[in-house]
Protein backbone atom coordinates (compact mmCIF):
# COMPACT_ATOMS: atom_id res chain seq x y z
CA MET A 1 5.57 3.86 2.06
CA THR A 2 8.96 2.40 1.25
CA ALA A 3 11.01 2.12 -1.88
CA GLN A 4 13.91 -0.30 -1.98
CA THR A 5 16.24 -1.13 -4.83
CA PRO A 6 20.00 -1.74 -5.10
CA GLY A 7 21.90 1.51 -5.05
CA ALA A 8 18.84 3.68 -4.39
CA GLY A 9 17.58 5.51 -1.35
CA ASP A 10 14.07 5.23 -0.03
CA TYR A 11 11.33 7.79 0.40
CA ASP A 12 13.43 9.44 3.10
CA ASP A 13 15.36 11.06 0.25
CA TYR A 14 12.19 12.54 -1.27
CA ALA A 15 9.96 12.99 1.77
CA ASP A 16 8.98 16.60 1.05
CA GLU A 17 8.22 15.92 -2.61
CA TYR A 18 6.19 12.86 -1.69
CA ALA A 19 4.22 14.73 0.99
CA THR A 20 3.33 17.40 -1.58
CA TYR A 21 2.13 14.70 -3.95
CA VAL A 22 -0.03 13.08 -1.26
CA ALA A 23 -1.52 16.45 -0.29
CA TRP A 24 -2.80 16.72 -3.87
CA ARG A 25 -4.26 13.21 -3.60
CA GLU A 26 -5.92 13.92 -0.25
CA GLN A 27 -7.54 17.28 -0.93
CA ALA A 28 -10.94 15.94 -2.04
CA GLY A 29 -11.38 13.46 0.84
CA PRO A 30 -11.94 9.67 0.69
CA GLU A 31 -14.59 9.84 -2.03
CA GLY A 32 -12.38 12.11 -4.13
CA ASP A 33 -9.29 9.89 -4.11
CA PRO A 34 -8.11 10.24 -7.73
CA PHE A 35 -7.09 6.57 -7.79
CA GLY A 36 -10.52 5.42 -6.63
CA LEU A 37 -8.96 3.21 -3.96
CA LEU A 38 -9.58 4.74 -0.56
CA ALA A 39 -13.37 4.46 -0.37
CA PRO A 40 -13.57 0.78 -1.42
CA LEU A 41 -10.61 -0.07 0.84
CA LEU A 42 -12.43 1.43 3.82
CA ASP A 43 -15.64 -0.36 2.83
CA LEU A 44 -13.84 -3.72 2.76
CA LEU A 45 -12.38 -3.08 6.21
CA GLY A 46 -15.91 -2.62 7.53
CA ASP A 47 -16.72 -1.13 10.94
CA ILE A 48 -13.45 -0.20 12.63
CA ASP A 49 -14.82 2.17 15.28
CA GLY A 50 -12.82 1.47 18.43
CA SER A 51 -10.73 -1.21 16.70
CA ARG A 52 -6.95 -1.43 16.80
CA VAL A 53 -5.87 -0.89 13.19
CA LEU A 54 -2.41 -0.98 11.62
CA ASP A 55 -1.57 1.26 8.66
CA ALA A 56 1.23 -0.77 7.07
CA GLY A 57 3.65 1.52 5.25
CA CYS A 58 1.85 4.65 6.42
CA GLY A 59 4.19 7.20 4.85
CA GLU A 60 3.14 10.68 5.94
CA GLY A 61 -0.21 9.46 7.27
CA TYR A 62 -2.69 9.62 4.37
CA LEU A 63 -4.46 6.35 5.15
CA ALA A 64 -3.86 6.60 8.90
CA ARG A 65 -5.85 9.83 9.07
CA ALA A 66 -8.73 8.28 7.12
CA LEU A 67 -8.76 5.30 9.48
CA ALA A 68 -8.71 7.54 12.56
CA ALA A 69 -11.60 9.57 11.13
CA ARG A 70 -13.64 6.35 11.25
CA GLY A 71 -12.96 5.92 14.95
CA ALA A 72 -10.08 3.45 14.77
CA ARG A 73 -7.20 3.39 17.22
CA VAL A 74 -4.46 3.65 14.60
CA THR A 75 -0.82 2.66 14.60
CA GLY A 76 1.07 3.79 11.51
CA ILE A 77 4.38 2.09 10.76
CA ASP A 78 6.88 3.02 8.07
CA ARG A 79 10.62 2.58 7.59
CA SER A 80 11.07 6.22 6.50
CA ALA A 81 11.91 8.31 9.56
CA ARG A 82 11.38 11.56 7.65
CA LEU A 83 7.88 10.62 6.52
CA ILE A 84 6.99 9.54 10.05
CA GLY A 85 8.25 12.90 11.26
CA LEU A 86 6.02 14.70 8.74
CA ALA A 87 3.04 12.59 9.82
CA ARG A 88 3.59 13.44 13.49
CA ALA A 89 4.06 17.14 12.73
CA ARG A 90 0.86 17.33 10.71
CA ASP A 91 -1.37 15.78 13.40
CA PRO A 92 0.35 16.32 16.75
CA GLY A 93 -2.84 15.76 18.76
CA SER A 94 -4.50 13.11 16.62
CA GLY A 95 -3.76 10.16 18.88
CA ILE A 96 -2.30 8.18 15.96
CA ASP A 97 0.74 6.20 17.11
CA TYR A 98 3.39 6.62 14.41
CA GLN A 99 6.41 4.31 14.56
CA VAL A 100 9.56 3.81 12.51
CA ALA A 101 10.14 0.15 11.65
CA ASP A 102 10.73 -2.14 8.69
CA LEU A 103 7.65 -4.30 8.22
CA SER A 104 9.61 -6.72 6.07
CA ARG A 105 11.21 -7.96 9.28
CA PRO A 106 9.49 -9.65 12.23
CA LEU A 107 8.03 -7.30 14.85
CA PRO A 108 7.42 -9.43 17.94
CA ALA A 109 5.89 -6.48 19.83
CA ALA A 110 3.11 -6.28 17.21
CA ALA A 111 2.21 -9.98 17.20
CA GLY A 112 -1.55 -10.50 17.53
CA ARG A 113 -2.04 -6.86 18.47
CA PHE A 114 -4.38 -5.61 15.74
CA ASP A 115 -8.02 -6.23 14.88
CA ALA A 116 -7.42 -5.05 11.32
CA ALA A 117 -4.64 -3.82 9.03
CA ALA A 118 -4.59 -1.89 5.79
CA SER A 119 -2.00 -0.87 3.24
CA TYR A 120 -2.33 1.71 0.45
CA LEU A 121 -0.06 1.24 -2.58
CA VAL A 122 2.87 -0.12 -0.60
CA LEU A 123 3.12 -3.79 -1.58
CA ASN A 124 4.69 -3.01 -4.98
CA ASP A 125 7.38 -0.94 -3.26
CA VAL A 126 8.58 -3.78 -1.04
CA ARG A 127 11.54 -5.93 -2.07
CA ASP A 128 10.95 -8.61 0.58
CA TYR A 129 7.25 -9.12 -0.02
CA ARG A 130 7.24 -12.46 1.82
CA GLY A 131 8.61 -10.84 4.96
CA PHE A 132 6.07 -8.02 4.63
CA ALA A 133 3.19 -10.49 4.25
CA GLY A 134 4.42 -12.56 7.19
CA THR A 135 4.73 -9.57 9.51
CA LEU A 136 1.26 -8.28 8.62
CA ALA A 137 -0.27 -11.72 9.13
CA ALA A 138 1.47 -12.12 12.49
CA SER A 139 0.28 -8.69 13.63
CA LEU A 140 -3.40 -9.65 13.35
CA ALA A 141 -5.47 -11.20 16.10
CA PRO A 142 -7.47 -14.32 15.14
CA GLY A 143 -10.31 -13.23 12.87
CA GLY A 144 -8.48 -10.02 12.02
CA ARG A 145 -8.95 -8.42 8.61
CA LEU A 146 -6.36 -7.16 6.15
CA VAL A 147 -7.04 -5.04 3.05
CA LEU A 148 -4.34 -4.03 0.59
CA ALA A 149 -4.51 -1.65 -2.36
CA LEU A 150 -1.89 -2.40 -5.00
CA ASN A 151 -1.00 -1.97 -8.63
CA ASN A 152 -2.55 -4.73 -10.70
CA PRO A 153 0.31 -7.22 -11.29
CA TYR A 154 -0.98 -7.98 -14.78
CA GLY A 155 -0.89 -4.26 -15.49
CA ALA A 156 2.89 -4.41 -15.16
CA VAL A 157 2.88 -5.81 -18.70
CA THR A 158 0.13 -3.53 -20.00
CA ASP A 159 1.97 -0.43 -18.79
CA ARG A 160 5.41 -1.74 -19.79
CA HIS A 161 7.01 -2.12 -16.37
CA VAL A 162 7.96 -5.62 -17.51
CA THR A 163 7.74 -7.48 -20.80
CA ASP A 164 7.57 -10.92 -19.15
CA TYR A 165 4.79 -11.26 -16.56
CA PHE A 166 6.57 -14.27 -15.02
CA ASP A 167 9.77 -12.29 -14.41
CA SER A 168 9.05 -12.09 -10.70
CA GLY A 169 11.48 -9.77 -8.94
CA ALA A 170 11.98 -7.43 -11.89
CA VAL A 171 12.50 -3.81 -10.85
CA SER A 172 11.53 -0.73 -12.86
CA ARG A 173 11.02 2.97 -12.29
CA TYR A 174 7.68 4.41 -11.21
CA ARG A 175 7.71 6.73 -14.20
CA GLY A 176 5.05 9.13 -12.94
CA LEU A 177 6.85 9.60 -9.63
CA TRP A 178 10.20 10.00 -11.35
CA GLU A 179 8.70 12.80 -13.41
CA MET A 180 7.92 14.53 -10.09
CA GLY A 181 11.47 14.03 -8.85
CA ILE A 182 10.67 11.05 -6.60
CA ARG A 183 13.10 8.23 -7.42
CA ALA A 184 10.88 5.31 -6.42
CA TYR A 185 10.91 1.81 -7.88
CA TYR A 186 8.27 -0.77 -8.78
CA HIS A 187 8.97 -4.36 -7.71
CA HIS A 188 7.09 -6.83 -9.86
CA ARG A 189 5.58 -10.04 -8.52
CA THR A 190 2.93 -12.27 -10.00
CA LEU A 191 -0.47 -12.35 -8.38
CA GLU A 192 0.20 -15.98 -7.49
CA ASN A 193 3.35 -14.90 -5.62
CA TYR A 194 1.42 -12.42 -3.53
CA LEU A 195 -1.45 -14.76 -2.73
CA ASP A 196 0.91 -17.56 -1.75
CA ALA A 197 2.82 -15.23 0.58
CA PHE A 198 -0.28 -14.13 2.48
CA HIS A 199 -1.75 -17.65 2.56
CA ALA A 200 1.51 -18.86 4.09
CA GLY A 201 0.88 -16.49 6.99
CA GLY A 202 -2.48 -18.08 7.76
CA LEU A 203 -4.63 -15.56 5.88
CA ARG A 204 -7.65 -16.53 3.78
CA LEU A 205 -8.56 -14.47 0.72
CA THR A 206 -12.08 -13.10 1.05
CA LYS A 207 -12.19 -10.61 -1.84
CA LEU A 208 -10.27 -9.64 -4.94
CA ALA A 209 -11.63 -6.43 -6.44
CA ASP A 210 -10.55 -4.86 -9.70
CA VAL A 211 -10.81 -1.07 -9.41
CA PRO A 212 -12.49 0.64 -12.38
CA ALA A 213 -11.08 4.11 -11.65
CA LEU A 214 -8.48 5.18 -14.24
CA ALA A 215 -8.99 1.95 -16.21
CA ASP A 216 -9.06 4.08 -19.35
CA VAL A 217 -6.07 6.25 -18.36
CA HIS A 218 -2.74 4.72 -19.37
CA ARG A 219 0.52 5.96 -20.78
CA PRO A 220 0.53 6.48 -24.55
CA ASP A 221 2.85 3.49 -25.05
CA ALA A 222 0.67 1.03 -23.08
CA TYR A 223 -0.16 -2.34 -24.65
CA LEU A 224 -3.83 -1.51 -25.22
CA PRO A 225 -5.92 -0.87 -28.30
CA PRO A 226 -7.29 2.65 -28.74
CA GLY A 227 -10.06 3.13 -26.22
CA GLY A 228 -9.13 -0.07 -24.38
CA ARG A 229 -9.75 -0.37 -20.64
CA PHE A 230 -7.70 -2.36 -18.16
CA PRO A 231 -7.69 -2.05 -14.34
CA ARG A 232 -4.59 -0.31 -13.08
CA PHE A 233 -5.28 -1.17 -9.44
CA MET A 234 -6.79 -3.94 -7.37
CA LEU A 235 -7.78 -4.59 -3.76
CA LEU A 236 -7.06 -7.80 -1.87
CA ALA A 237 -8.94 -8.59 1.35
CA PHE A 238 -7.95 -11.36 3.77
CA THR A 239 -9.12 -12.74 7.11
CA LYS A 240 -6.84 -14.42 9.61
CA THR A 241 -7.99 -17.98 10.22
């Protein structure tokens, strides 16, 4: 998982704090993911037993371990060397191939290599989302599947990350992470921006899923009426044509 903003470090600077946070998230297994994202993400990927699967922005290995538990041959890539080091140290004999690289830039060695790819709450961290989308698309073999979990772009207004939904490129603090000492930033894009970027890479949208988990849990200053519900997260699934 990568955070990029002018004048700020990335998750390398807060690797230990972030790993502690993920350990809390992971303790109840895929069905107990407090964000309600992991189980439907895995369902959308389908049968990955024996498949070559990329965890894009793997951080310290949360999603990579879940993919490997389903029989996938997993490669986890992240630009944070410290998080990759923590992932390797946690599962030294897991067979997961962890690599340090920036997925916003072309990776010729990964071209056409993977049957499937997945990304868990990374897309909103990435400044160069077009480069990220292009690299993921290029990494898939024909017919390959991609599933991404992300913050609902419309929720950026609801939860006051931005006041203008069309202000694509606006940057704000992830307030919950900042409260835990993790100085990570949210990069806002419209849903149209994201879809266009992945379509440009030759990917076809097969599913957009609003996630009901935590739809009624928002900050006190959110733009919602009392008792209002709005999806905080969504899943996007693509197939390479």
